[in-house]
Amino acid sequence: MANDPCLDLIFRNARTHTAWLDKPVSDETLHELYNTMKWGPTSANTNPARFLFIRSKAAKERLKLSLAPGNIEKTMAAPVTVIVAYDLKFYDKLPKLFPHAPGMRDNFASNPQLIEMTARRNSSLQGAYLLIAARGLGLDCGPMSGFDNARLDRDFFEAGRECEGCDQEFFPEGHVKSNFLINLGYGDASKVQPRNPRLAFEEACTLL
C-alpha cells in the first residue's frame, strides 16, 4: 500500500546517518538482526556473506587505518561498524544449504570466475538485506565504501597468517574478502543533512 508505515520506516522516511547518539547496540539486537536478514534470497542459496561487527575501541582503531579521511570521524563514533564481506569458499557450505543438488558444490569449486562473481554479487545483496532489516528493527544505518579493501583485508581477514592466537573475532583463513561497510546505531536526527534527490521512474525504468 502506498501509505504503508513499514515502507515509510524502511525506505521513504529512513535516512543515511553520519552522526550517532551515545547508545549501544546490544548483542541481542545484533543476533536478531542477522536472524532476520538471513532469510533474504541468494542464488542457489549460496549465502556467501560474512559479517564482522566492529565494536571495541581496539578493533575500531584497527579499522581506522584503512578508512578514507572523510569516513573516519563518523565511523569511530558509530556504536557498530559492520564489515560486509564474502567467503570465496562459500561453496563448501552448499551440501548443507542446497542439499537437493549434490553436484552444486563441485560446479563452483572448479570455476574461480564464477566463485568471485557469485560471492561479490550475493554478498552485496545480503548487505542490503542487513540494512533493510536494521531499519525494520529500529536501527539507523550509514552504508559506505571509501576504504582501502586490500589494507582492511590484510588487517582483519589475513591476520592469522602472521599472528598466532589472534583475536577470534577475525577471520584468519585468508579467503574472506571485504565488500563494503555499514555503520549501525541510533542516529542523531538533529544532524541529518537535507535529503538528496532520486531519479524519477521515467529516468531509471523502462517498460517493455
N, C-alpha and C. Protein backbone atom coordinates (compact mmCIF):
# COMPACT_ATOMS: atom_id res chain seq x y z
N MET A 1 0.84 -1.20 0.00
CA MET A 1 0.00 0.00 0.00
C MET A 1 0.87 1.24 0.00
N ALA A 2 0.41 2.29 -0.66
CA ALA A 2 1.21 3.49 -0.82
C ALA A 2 1.54 4.15 0.52
N ASN A 3 0.64 4.04 1.49
CA ASN A 3 0.87 4.68 2.78
C ASN A 3 1.27 3.69 3.87
N ASP A 4 1.85 2.59 3.48
CA ASP A 4 2.26 1.56 4.43
C ASP A 4 3.35 2.11 5.35
N PRO A 5 3.13 2.12 6.67
CA PRO A 5 4.15 2.66 7.58
C PRO A 5 5.44 1.86 7.59
N CYS A 6 5.37 0.57 7.24
CA CYS A 6 6.59 -0.23 7.18
C CYS A 6 7.49 0.26 6.06
N LEU A 7 6.90 0.59 4.92
CA LEU A 7 7.68 1.13 3.81
C LEU A 7 8.24 2.51 4.14
N ASP A 8 7.48 3.29 4.90
CA ASP A 8 7.99 4.58 5.36
C ASP A 8 9.23 4.38 6.24
N LEU A 9 9.14 3.41 7.16
CA LEU A 9 10.24 3.15 8.09
C LEU A 9 11.49 2.69 7.36
N ILE A 10 11.32 1.81 6.40
CA ILE A 10 12.48 1.18 5.75
C ILE A 10 13.04 2.02 4.61
N PHE A 11 12.16 2.75 3.90
CA PHE A 11 12.60 3.46 2.71
C PHE A 11 12.31 4.96 2.75
N ARG A 12 11.03 5.32 2.75
CA ARG A 12 10.67 6.71 2.45
C ARG A 12 11.12 7.70 3.52
N ASN A 13 11.04 7.32 4.77
CA ASN A 13 11.45 8.23 5.84
C ASN A 13 12.83 7.93 6.40
N ALA A 14 13.41 6.83 6.00
CA ALA A 14 14.73 6.45 6.51
C ALA A 14 15.80 7.33 5.88
N ARG A 15 16.86 7.58 6.64
CA ARG A 15 17.94 8.43 6.17
C ARG A 15 19.28 7.74 6.42
N THR A 16 20.27 8.14 5.64
CA THR A 16 21.64 7.71 5.90
C THR A 16 22.21 8.59 7.00
N HIS A 17 22.75 7.97 8.04
CA HIS A 17 23.23 8.73 9.20
C HIS A 17 24.75 8.77 9.26
N THR A 18 25.25 9.93 9.68
CA THR A 18 26.69 10.12 9.87
C THR A 18 27.02 10.59 11.28
N ALA A 19 25.99 10.90 12.08
CA ALA A 19 26.20 11.31 13.47
C ALA A 19 25.36 10.39 14.36
N TRP A 20 25.91 10.06 15.54
CA TRP A 20 25.32 8.97 16.31
C TRP A 20 25.11 9.37 17.76
N LEU A 21 24.00 8.88 18.33
CA LEU A 21 23.77 9.02 19.76
C LEU A 21 24.67 8.06 20.53
N ASP A 22 24.99 8.44 21.74
CA ASP A 22 25.83 7.58 22.60
C ASP A 22 24.94 6.51 23.22
N LYS A 23 24.54 5.55 22.40
CA LYS A 23 23.62 4.50 22.81
C LYS A 23 24.08 3.20 22.19
N PRO A 24 24.43 2.21 22.99
CA PRO A 24 24.98 0.97 22.43
C PRO A 24 23.93 0.12 21.73
N VAL A 25 24.43 -0.75 20.86
CA VAL A 25 23.60 -1.76 20.21
C VAL A 25 23.90 -3.09 20.89
N SER A 26 22.87 -3.72 21.43
CA SER A 26 23.08 -4.91 22.25
C SER A 26 23.42 -6.13 21.41
N ASP A 27 24.03 -7.12 22.06
CA ASP A 27 24.29 -8.41 21.41
C ASP A 27 22.99 -9.02 20.91
N GLU A 28 21.95 -8.91 21.73
CA GLU A 28 20.66 -9.50 21.36
C GLU A 28 20.12 -8.88 20.07
N THR A 29 20.30 -7.57 19.92
CA THR A 29 19.83 -6.89 18.72
C THR A 29 20.61 -7.35 17.49
N LEU A 30 21.92 -7.53 17.65
CA LEU A 30 22.73 -7.99 16.52
C LEU A 30 22.37 -9.42 16.12
N HIS A 31 22.08 -10.26 17.11
CA HIS A 31 21.62 -11.62 16.80
C HIS A 31 20.29 -11.58 16.06
N GLU A 32 19.38 -10.73 16.55
CA GLU A 32 18.07 -10.61 15.90
C GLU A 32 18.23 -10.06 14.48
N LEU A 33 19.15 -9.13 14.32
CA LEU A 33 19.41 -8.56 13.01
C LEU A 33 19.83 -9.64 12.01
N TYR A 34 20.81 -10.43 12.39
CA TYR A 34 21.26 -11.48 11.47
C TYR A 34 20.16 -12.51 11.23
N ASN A 35 19.48 -12.91 12.29
CA ASN A 35 18.47 -13.95 12.16
C ASN A 35 17.24 -13.49 11.39
N THR A 36 17.12 -12.18 11.17
CA THR A 36 16.07 -11.65 10.30
C THR A 36 16.55 -11.60 8.85
N MET A 37 17.74 -11.01 8.63
CA MET A 37 18.19 -10.80 7.26
C MET A 37 18.61 -12.09 6.55
N LYS A 38 18.91 -13.13 7.30
CA LYS A 38 19.43 -14.35 6.67
C LYS A 38 18.42 -15.03 5.76
N TRP A 39 17.15 -14.65 5.86
CA TRP A 39 16.12 -15.27 5.03
C TRP A 39 16.02 -14.62 3.65
N GLY A 40 16.76 -13.55 3.39
CA GLY A 40 16.76 -12.96 2.06
C GLY A 40 17.36 -13.92 1.05
N PRO A 41 16.84 -13.97 -0.17
CA PRO A 41 17.31 -14.95 -1.16
C PRO A 41 18.69 -14.63 -1.73
N THR A 42 19.43 -15.69 -2.01
CA THR A 42 20.68 -15.60 -2.76
C THR A 42 20.68 -16.71 -3.81
N SER A 43 21.48 -16.54 -4.86
CA SER A 43 21.47 -17.53 -5.93
C SER A 43 21.96 -18.87 -5.41
N ALA A 44 21.19 -19.93 -5.71
CA ALA A 44 21.49 -21.29 -5.25
C ALA A 44 21.66 -21.36 -3.73
N ASN A 45 21.04 -20.41 -3.03
CA ASN A 45 21.13 -20.35 -1.56
C ASN A 45 22.59 -20.36 -1.08
N THR A 46 23.46 -19.67 -1.83
CA THR A 46 24.89 -19.71 -1.53
C THR A 46 25.27 -19.02 -0.23
N ASN A 47 24.56 -17.94 0.13
CA ASN A 47 24.86 -17.24 1.39
C ASN A 47 26.35 -16.96 1.58
N PRO A 48 26.99 -16.27 0.64
CA PRO A 48 28.44 -16.07 0.75
C PRO A 48 28.86 -14.97 1.72
N ALA A 49 27.93 -14.14 2.16
CA ALA A 49 28.31 -13.00 3.00
C ALA A 49 28.77 -13.45 4.38
N ARG A 50 29.77 -12.76 4.89
CA ARG A 50 30.23 -12.92 6.27
C ARG A 50 30.24 -11.52 6.87
N PHE A 51 29.82 -11.39 8.12
CA PHE A 51 29.64 -10.09 8.75
C PHE A 51 30.54 -9.98 9.98
N LEU A 52 31.37 -8.99 9.98
CA LEU A 52 32.25 -8.73 11.12
C LEU A 52 31.76 -7.46 11.79
N PHE A 53 31.26 -7.59 13.01
CA PHE A 53 30.71 -6.46 13.76
C PHE A 53 31.82 -5.85 14.61
N ILE A 54 32.26 -4.66 14.23
CA ILE A 54 33.35 -3.98 14.90
C ILE A 54 32.78 -3.06 15.97
N ARG A 55 33.12 -3.33 17.24
CA ARG A 55 32.57 -2.54 18.34
C ARG A 55 33.64 -2.03 19.31
N SER A 56 34.64 -2.82 19.59
CA SER A 56 35.62 -2.43 20.61
C SER A 56 36.50 -1.29 20.11
N LYS A 57 37.04 -0.55 21.04
CA LYS A 57 37.92 0.57 20.68
C LYS A 57 39.14 0.06 19.93
N ALA A 58 39.71 -1.07 20.35
CA ALA A 58 40.89 -1.62 19.69
C ALA A 58 40.59 -2.00 18.25
N ALA A 59 39.45 -2.63 18.02
CA ALA A 59 39.09 -3.03 16.66
C ALA A 59 38.78 -1.80 15.80
N LYS A 60 38.15 -0.79 16.40
CA LYS A 60 37.88 0.44 15.67
C LYS A 60 39.18 1.12 15.24
N GLU A 61 40.16 1.13 16.12
CA GLU A 61 41.46 1.75 15.79
C GLU A 61 42.12 0.99 14.65
N ARG A 62 41.95 -0.30 14.66
CA ARG A 62 42.50 -1.13 13.59
C ARG A 62 41.80 -0.84 12.26
N LEU A 63 40.48 -0.67 12.33
CA LEU A 63 39.70 -0.34 11.14
C LEU A 63 40.06 1.04 10.60
N LYS A 64 40.34 1.96 11.50
CA LYS A 64 40.65 3.35 11.13
C LYS A 64 41.77 3.43 10.11
N LEU A 65 42.72 2.52 10.17
CA LEU A 65 43.90 2.56 9.31
C LEU A 65 43.55 2.41 7.84
N SER A 66 42.41 1.80 7.54
CA SER A 66 42.05 1.56 6.14
C SER A 66 40.99 2.55 5.63
N LEU A 67 40.49 3.44 6.49
CA LEU A 67 39.40 4.33 6.09
C LEU A 67 39.89 5.55 5.34
N ALA A 68 39.08 6.00 4.38
CA ALA A 68 39.33 7.29 3.75
C ALA A 68 39.13 8.38 4.81
N PRO A 69 39.87 9.49 4.72
CA PRO A 69 39.78 10.54 5.75
C PRO A 69 38.36 11.00 6.05
N GLY A 70 37.52 11.12 5.02
CA GLY A 70 36.16 11.59 5.23
C GLY A 70 35.25 10.63 5.96
N ASN A 71 35.69 9.39 6.11
CA ASN A 71 34.86 8.38 6.78
C ASN A 71 35.32 8.07 8.20
N ILE A 72 36.41 8.69 8.65
CA ILE A 72 36.98 8.31 9.94
C ILE A 72 36.10 8.75 11.11
N GLU A 73 35.73 10.02 11.16
CA GLU A 73 35.02 10.54 12.33
C GLU A 73 33.70 9.83 12.56
N LYS A 74 32.90 9.69 11.50
CA LYS A 74 31.59 9.08 11.67
C LYS A 74 31.69 7.59 12.01
N THR A 75 32.72 6.94 11.50
CA THR A 75 32.89 5.51 11.79
C THR A 75 33.38 5.29 13.21
N MET A 76 34.28 6.11 13.67
CA MET A 76 34.77 5.97 15.04
C MET A 76 33.67 6.26 16.05
N ALA A 77 32.72 7.11 15.67
CA ALA A 77 31.63 7.48 16.59
C ALA A 77 30.49 6.47 16.58
N ALA A 78 30.36 5.69 15.50
CA ALA A 78 29.25 4.74 15.40
C ALA A 78 29.39 3.63 16.43
N PRO A 79 28.31 3.22 17.07
CA PRO A 79 28.38 2.12 18.04
C PRO A 79 28.90 0.82 17.42
N VAL A 80 28.53 0.57 16.17
CA VAL A 80 28.93 -0.66 15.47
C VAL A 80 29.26 -0.31 14.03
N THR A 81 30.32 -0.89 13.53
CA THR A 81 30.58 -0.85 12.09
C THR A 81 30.63 -2.29 11.59
N VAL A 82 29.81 -2.59 10.60
CA VAL A 82 29.76 -3.92 10.04
C VAL A 82 30.64 -3.98 8.79
N ILE A 83 31.59 -4.88 8.78
CA ILE A 83 32.30 -5.19 7.55
C ILE A 83 31.49 -6.26 6.85
N VAL A 84 30.87 -5.88 5.74
CA VAL A 84 30.16 -6.85 4.91
C VAL A 84 31.21 -7.47 3.98
N ALA A 85 31.43 -8.75 4.16
CA ALA A 85 32.49 -9.44 3.43
C ALA A 85 31.92 -10.65 2.72
N TYR A 86 32.77 -11.33 1.96
CA TYR A 86 32.31 -12.55 1.29
C TYR A 86 33.39 -13.63 1.36
N ASP A 87 32.92 -14.84 1.50
CA ASP A 87 33.78 -16.01 1.64
C ASP A 87 33.95 -16.68 0.28
N LEU A 88 35.18 -16.71 -0.21
CA LEU A 88 35.44 -17.31 -1.51
C LEU A 88 35.38 -18.84 -1.47
N LYS A 89 35.19 -19.40 -0.28
CA LYS A 89 34.95 -20.84 -0.18
C LYS A 89 33.52 -21.13 0.30
N PHE A 90 32.62 -20.22 -0.06
CA PHE A 90 31.22 -20.39 0.31
C PHE A 90 30.67 -21.73 -0.17
N TYR A 91 31.22 -22.26 -1.25
CA TYR A 91 30.68 -23.49 -1.86
C TYR A 91 30.83 -24.70 -0.95
N ASP A 92 31.74 -24.62 0.04
CA ASP A 92 31.87 -25.74 0.97
C ASP A 92 30.64 -25.91 1.86
N LYS A 93 29.82 -24.86 1.95
CA LYS A 93 28.58 -24.94 2.74
C LYS A 93 27.39 -25.44 1.91
N LEU A 94 27.57 -25.61 0.60
CA LEU A 94 26.43 -25.94 -0.25
C LEU A 94 25.82 -27.32 0.03
N PRO A 95 26.59 -28.33 0.44
CA PRO A 95 25.91 -29.59 0.79
C PRO A 95 24.85 -29.41 1.89
N LYS A 96 25.07 -28.43 2.78
CA LYS A 96 24.07 -28.12 3.80
C LYS A 96 22.99 -27.19 3.27
N LEU A 97 23.40 -26.17 2.51
CA LEU A 97 22.48 -25.11 2.11
C LEU A 97 21.66 -25.45 0.88
N PHE A 98 22.16 -26.37 0.03
CA PHE A 98 21.49 -26.71 -1.23
C PHE A 98 21.51 -28.22 -1.42
N PRO A 99 20.95 -28.97 -0.45
CA PRO A 99 21.15 -30.42 -0.40
C PRO A 99 20.49 -31.19 -1.55
N HIS A 100 19.51 -30.60 -2.20
CA HIS A 100 18.82 -31.32 -3.27
C HIS A 100 19.61 -31.36 -4.58
N ALA A 101 20.75 -30.65 -4.63
CA ALA A 101 21.60 -30.67 -5.83
C ALA A 101 23.04 -30.97 -5.40
N PRO A 102 23.37 -32.23 -5.18
CA PRO A 102 24.68 -32.61 -4.62
C PRO A 102 25.87 -32.14 -5.46
N GLY A 103 25.68 -31.94 -6.75
CA GLY A 103 26.80 -31.54 -7.59
C GLY A 103 27.08 -30.06 -7.60
N MET A 104 26.25 -29.27 -6.91
CA MET A 104 26.40 -27.83 -6.98
C MET A 104 27.74 -27.35 -6.42
N ARG A 105 28.20 -27.98 -5.35
CA ARG A 105 29.48 -27.56 -4.77
C ARG A 105 30.60 -27.66 -5.80
N ASP A 106 30.67 -28.78 -6.49
CA ASP A 106 31.74 -29.00 -7.44
C ASP A 106 31.64 -28.07 -8.64
N ASN A 107 30.42 -27.68 -9.00
CA ASN A 107 30.25 -26.72 -10.10
C ASN A 107 30.96 -25.40 -9.80
N PHE A 108 30.89 -24.98 -8.54
CA PHE A 108 31.57 -23.75 -8.14
C PHE A 108 33.06 -23.98 -7.91
N ALA A 109 33.41 -25.06 -7.25
CA ALA A 109 34.80 -25.29 -6.84
C ALA A 109 35.76 -25.30 -8.01
N SER A 110 35.28 -25.66 -9.18
CA SER A 110 36.14 -25.76 -10.35
C SER A 110 36.08 -24.52 -11.24
N ASN A 111 35.43 -23.44 -10.76
CA ASN A 111 35.23 -22.26 -11.60
C ASN A 111 35.51 -20.99 -10.81
N PRO A 112 36.78 -20.57 -10.71
CA PRO A 112 37.14 -19.39 -9.90
C PRO A 112 36.41 -18.12 -10.31
N GLN A 113 36.18 -17.93 -11.61
CA GLN A 113 35.49 -16.73 -12.06
C GLN A 113 34.05 -16.70 -11.55
N LEU A 114 33.39 -17.86 -11.59
CA LEU A 114 32.02 -17.95 -11.09
C LEU A 114 31.99 -17.74 -9.58
N ILE A 115 32.98 -18.26 -8.88
CA ILE A 115 33.06 -18.07 -7.43
C ILE A 115 33.10 -16.59 -7.09
N GLU A 116 34.02 -15.85 -7.70
CA GLU A 116 34.19 -14.43 -7.40
C GLU A 116 32.92 -13.64 -7.74
N MET A 117 32.36 -13.87 -8.91
CA MET A 117 31.17 -13.14 -9.34
C MET A 117 29.99 -13.43 -8.41
N THR A 118 29.81 -14.70 -8.08
CA THR A 118 28.68 -15.08 -7.21
C THR A 118 28.86 -14.53 -5.81
N ALA A 119 30.07 -14.62 -5.28
CA ALA A 119 30.31 -14.16 -3.92
C ALA A 119 30.12 -12.66 -3.79
N ARG A 120 30.66 -11.91 -4.72
CA ARG A 120 30.55 -10.46 -4.63
C ARG A 120 29.11 -9.99 -4.83
N ARG A 121 28.45 -10.52 -5.85
CA ARG A 121 27.08 -10.09 -6.13
C ARG A 121 26.14 -10.42 -4.97
N ASN A 122 26.22 -11.65 -4.49
CA ASN A 122 25.26 -12.08 -3.47
C ASN A 122 25.58 -11.53 -2.10
N SER A 123 26.85 -11.27 -1.81
CA SER A 123 27.16 -10.60 -0.54
C SER A 123 26.68 -9.15 -0.56
N SER A 124 26.67 -8.53 -1.75
CA SER A 124 26.11 -7.18 -1.87
C SER A 124 24.61 -7.22 -1.57
N LEU A 125 23.93 -8.23 -2.13
CA LEU A 125 22.51 -8.41 -1.82
C LEU A 125 22.30 -8.59 -0.32
N GLN A 126 23.11 -9.44 0.28
CA GLN A 126 22.92 -9.73 1.71
C GLN A 126 23.23 -8.50 2.57
N GLY A 127 24.19 -7.68 2.13
CA GLY A 127 24.44 -6.44 2.85
C GLY A 127 23.24 -5.51 2.78
N ALA A 128 22.56 -5.48 1.63
CA ALA A 128 21.35 -4.68 1.50
C ALA A 128 20.23 -5.24 2.39
N TYR A 129 20.13 -6.57 2.46
CA TYR A 129 19.14 -7.16 3.37
C TYR A 129 19.43 -6.76 4.81
N LEU A 130 20.71 -6.73 5.17
CA LEU A 130 21.09 -6.34 6.53
C LEU A 130 20.65 -4.91 6.82
N LEU A 131 20.85 -4.03 5.87
CA LEU A 131 20.46 -2.64 6.05
C LEU A 131 18.94 -2.52 6.23
N ILE A 132 18.19 -3.21 5.37
CA ILE A 132 16.73 -3.16 5.47
C ILE A 132 16.25 -3.74 6.78
N ALA A 133 16.81 -4.88 7.19
CA ALA A 133 16.42 -5.49 8.46
C ALA A 133 16.77 -4.57 9.63
N ALA A 134 17.92 -3.90 9.57
CA ALA A 134 18.33 -3.00 10.64
C ALA A 134 17.32 -1.87 10.80
N ARG A 135 16.92 -1.28 9.69
CA ARG A 135 15.92 -0.21 9.76
C ARG A 135 14.60 -0.74 10.32
N GLY A 136 14.22 -1.94 9.92
CA GLY A 136 12.99 -2.53 10.43
C GLY A 136 13.03 -2.78 11.92
N LEU A 137 14.24 -2.98 12.47
CA LEU A 137 14.40 -3.23 13.91
C LEU A 137 14.65 -1.94 14.69
N GLY A 138 14.56 -0.80 14.01
CA GLY A 138 14.70 0.48 14.71
C GLY A 138 16.11 1.03 14.76
N LEU A 139 17.04 0.40 14.04
CA LEU A 139 18.40 0.92 13.96
C LEU A 139 18.53 1.87 12.78
N ASP A 140 19.53 2.75 12.88
CA ASP A 140 19.88 3.61 11.75
C ASP A 140 21.16 3.11 11.12
N CYS A 141 21.35 3.47 9.84
CA CYS A 141 22.46 2.92 9.08
C CYS A 141 23.22 4.01 8.33
N GLY A 142 24.50 3.75 8.12
CA GLY A 142 25.33 4.59 7.28
C GLY A 142 26.20 3.73 6.41
N PRO A 143 25.67 3.22 5.28
CA PRO A 143 26.49 2.38 4.40
C PRO A 143 27.54 3.21 3.67
N MET A 144 28.68 2.60 3.37
CA MET A 144 29.74 3.36 2.71
C MET A 144 30.76 2.43 2.08
N SER A 145 31.42 2.97 1.08
CA SER A 145 32.68 2.41 0.62
C SER A 145 33.75 3.36 1.16
N GLY A 146 34.64 3.87 0.35
CA GLY A 146 35.59 4.84 0.89
C GLY A 146 36.56 4.25 1.90
N PHE A 147 37.14 3.09 1.54
CA PHE A 147 38.18 2.49 2.38
C PHE A 147 39.07 1.65 1.49
N ASP A 148 40.20 1.30 2.01
CA ASP A 148 41.18 0.51 1.27
C ASP A 148 40.90 -0.97 1.53
N ASN A 149 40.26 -1.63 0.55
CA ASN A 149 39.89 -3.03 0.74
C ASN A 149 41.09 -3.91 1.02
N ALA A 150 42.17 -3.70 0.27
CA ALA A 150 43.35 -4.55 0.44
C ALA A 150 43.94 -4.39 1.83
N ARG A 151 44.01 -3.17 2.32
CA ARG A 151 44.55 -2.92 3.66
C ARG A 151 43.64 -3.54 4.72
N LEU A 152 42.34 -3.34 4.56
CA LEU A 152 41.40 -3.90 5.54
C LEU A 152 41.49 -5.41 5.56
N ASP A 153 41.57 -6.02 4.39
CA ASP A 153 41.62 -7.48 4.34
C ASP A 153 42.89 -8.02 5.00
N ARG A 154 44.00 -7.32 4.80
CA ARG A 154 45.24 -7.74 5.47
C ARG A 154 45.10 -7.63 6.99
N ASP A 155 44.50 -6.54 7.44
CA ASP A 155 44.42 -6.28 8.89
C ASP A 155 43.41 -7.16 9.60
N PHE A 156 42.37 -7.59 8.89
CA PHE A 156 41.30 -8.33 9.55
C PHE A 156 41.19 -9.78 9.12
N PHE A 157 41.23 -10.05 7.82
CA PHE A 157 40.91 -11.38 7.33
C PHE A 157 42.12 -12.25 7.08
N GLU A 158 43.30 -11.66 7.04
CA GLU A 158 44.50 -12.45 6.85
C GLU A 158 45.43 -12.36 8.05
N ALA A 159 44.93 -11.79 9.14
CA ALA A 159 45.77 -11.56 10.32
C ALA A 159 46.37 -12.84 10.87
N GLY A 160 45.62 -13.93 10.79
CA GLY A 160 46.08 -15.18 11.36
C GLY A 160 47.32 -15.74 10.69
N ARG A 161 47.63 -15.25 9.50
CA ARG A 161 48.83 -15.74 8.81
C ARG A 161 50.11 -15.27 9.50
N GLU A 162 50.01 -14.07 10.10
CA GLU A 162 51.21 -13.53 10.76
C GLU A 162 51.13 -13.57 12.27
N CYS A 163 49.94 -13.82 12.78
CA CYS A 163 49.73 -13.64 14.22
C CYS A 163 49.06 -14.87 14.80
N GLU A 164 49.85 -15.74 15.38
CA GLU A 164 49.28 -16.93 16.01
C GLU A 164 48.48 -16.50 17.23
N GLY A 165 47.29 -17.05 17.35
CA GLY A 165 46.47 -16.72 18.50
C GLY A 165 45.80 -15.37 18.42
N CYS A 166 45.64 -14.82 17.18
CA CYS A 166 44.95 -13.54 17.03
C CYS A 166 43.52 -13.67 17.55
N ASP A 167 42.93 -12.54 17.89
CA ASP A 167 41.57 -12.49 18.42
C ASP A 167 40.63 -13.27 17.51
N GLN A 168 39.82 -14.13 18.09
CA GLN A 168 38.96 -14.99 17.32
C GLN A 168 37.81 -14.26 16.63
N GLU A 169 37.64 -12.93 16.91
CA GLU A 169 36.59 -12.20 16.20
C GLU A 169 36.96 -12.01 14.73
N PHE A 170 38.22 -12.23 14.36
CA PHE A 170 38.65 -12.03 12.99
C PHE A 170 38.63 -13.36 12.24
N PHE A 171 38.70 -13.24 10.90
CA PHE A 171 38.74 -14.42 10.04
C PHE A 171 40.18 -14.62 9.59
N PRO A 172 40.88 -15.61 10.10
CA PRO A 172 42.28 -15.77 9.73
C PRO A 172 42.53 -16.66 8.52
N GLU A 173 41.47 -17.14 7.89
CA GLU A 173 41.66 -18.16 6.85
C GLU A 173 42.25 -17.59 5.56
N GLY A 174 42.05 -16.30 5.30
CA GLY A 174 42.61 -15.70 4.11
C GLY A 174 41.74 -15.82 2.87
N HIS A 175 40.55 -16.41 2.96
CA HIS A 175 39.69 -16.50 1.79
C HIS A 175 38.39 -15.70 1.99
N VAL A 176 38.37 -14.82 2.99
CA VAL A 176 37.27 -13.89 3.19
C VAL A 176 37.74 -12.51 2.77
N LYS A 177 36.95 -11.81 1.94
CA LYS A 177 37.32 -10.52 1.40
C LYS A 177 36.24 -9.49 1.71
N SER A 178 36.66 -8.25 1.95
CA SER A 178 35.70 -7.19 2.27
C SER A 178 34.97 -6.72 1.02
N ASN A 179 33.71 -6.33 1.22
CA ASN A 179 32.90 -5.75 0.15
C ASN A 179 32.63 -4.28 0.45
N PHE A 180 31.83 -4.00 1.50
CA PHE A 180 31.58 -2.62 1.89
C PHE A 180 31.30 -2.56 3.39
N LEU A 181 31.08 -1.37 3.91
CA LEU A 181 30.89 -1.14 5.34
C LEU A 181 29.51 -0.55 5.60
N ILE A 182 28.98 -0.84 6.78
CA ILE A 182 27.75 -0.20 7.24
C ILE A 182 27.94 0.21 8.70
N ASN A 183 27.84 1.51 8.97
CA ASN A 183 27.78 1.96 10.36
C ASN A 183 26.37 1.73 10.88
N LEU A 184 26.27 1.25 12.11
CA LEU A 184 24.98 0.95 12.73
C LEU A 184 24.88 1.60 14.09
N GLY A 185 23.67 2.00 14.43
CA GLY A 185 23.43 2.54 15.76
C GLY A 185 22.12 3.30 15.78
N TYR A 186 22.08 4.32 16.61
CA TYR A 186 20.90 5.18 16.72
C TYR A 186 21.34 6.58 16.33
N GLY A 187 20.87 7.02 15.16
CA GLY A 187 21.36 8.26 14.58
C GLY A 187 20.88 9.50 15.32
N ASP A 188 21.68 10.54 15.26
CA ASP A 188 21.32 11.84 15.81
C ASP A 188 20.53 12.59 14.75
N ALA A 189 19.20 12.58 14.91
CA ALA A 189 18.32 13.16 13.89
C ALA A 189 18.55 14.66 13.71
N SER A 190 19.08 15.32 14.73
CA SER A 190 19.29 16.77 14.64
C SER A 190 20.43 17.12 13.68
N LYS A 191 21.21 16.12 13.28
CA LYS A 191 22.36 16.38 12.41
C LYS A 191 22.22 15.75 11.02
N VAL A 192 21.00 15.35 10.69
CA VAL A 192 20.77 14.77 9.37
C VAL A 192 20.77 15.88 8.33
N GLN A 193 21.47 15.64 7.23
CA GLN A 193 21.55 16.62 6.15
C GLN A 193 20.29 16.57 5.29
N PRO A 194 20.01 17.66 4.55
CA PRO A 194 18.86 17.63 3.62
C PRO A 194 18.98 16.45 2.66
N ARG A 195 17.85 15.87 2.36
CA ARG A 195 17.85 14.66 1.53
C ARG A 195 18.18 14.99 0.07
N ASN A 196 19.04 14.19 -0.51
CA ASN A 196 19.36 14.34 -1.93
C ASN A 196 18.26 13.75 -2.80
N PRO A 197 18.09 14.27 -4.01
CA PRO A 197 17.02 13.76 -4.89
C PRO A 197 17.34 12.37 -5.41
N ARG A 198 16.33 11.73 -5.97
CA ARG A 198 16.47 10.45 -6.63
C ARG A 198 15.95 10.57 -8.07
N LEU A 199 16.31 9.63 -8.91
CA LEU A 199 15.80 9.63 -10.28
C LEU A 199 14.31 9.30 -10.30
N ALA A 200 13.60 9.94 -11.20
CA ALA A 200 12.19 9.62 -11.41
C ALA A 200 12.07 8.30 -12.14
N PHE A 201 10.87 7.71 -12.07
CA PHE A 201 10.62 6.44 -12.74
C PHE A 201 11.03 6.51 -14.21
N GLU A 202 10.67 7.60 -14.90
CA GLU A 202 10.94 7.73 -16.32
C GLU A 202 12.44 7.80 -16.62
N GLU A 203 13.23 8.22 -15.66
CA GLU A 203 14.68 8.33 -15.86
C GLU A 203 15.41 7.00 -15.63
N ALA A 204 14.82 6.14 -14.80
CA ALA A 204 15.52 4.92 -14.39
C ALA A 204 14.89 3.64 -14.89
N CYS A 205 13.67 3.70 -15.37
CA CYS A 205 12.92 2.47 -15.66
C CYS A 205 12.43 2.46 -17.10
N THR A 206 12.28 1.26 -17.62
CA THR A 206 11.73 1.05 -18.95
C THR A 206 10.69 -0.05 -18.88
N LEU A 207 9.56 0.19 -19.49
CA LEU A 207 8.51 -0.82 -19.59
C LEU A 207 8.51 -1.38 -20.99
N LEU A 208 8.60 -2.68 -21.12
CA LEU A 208 8.61 -3.33 -22.45
C LEU A 208 7.36 -4.19 -22.61
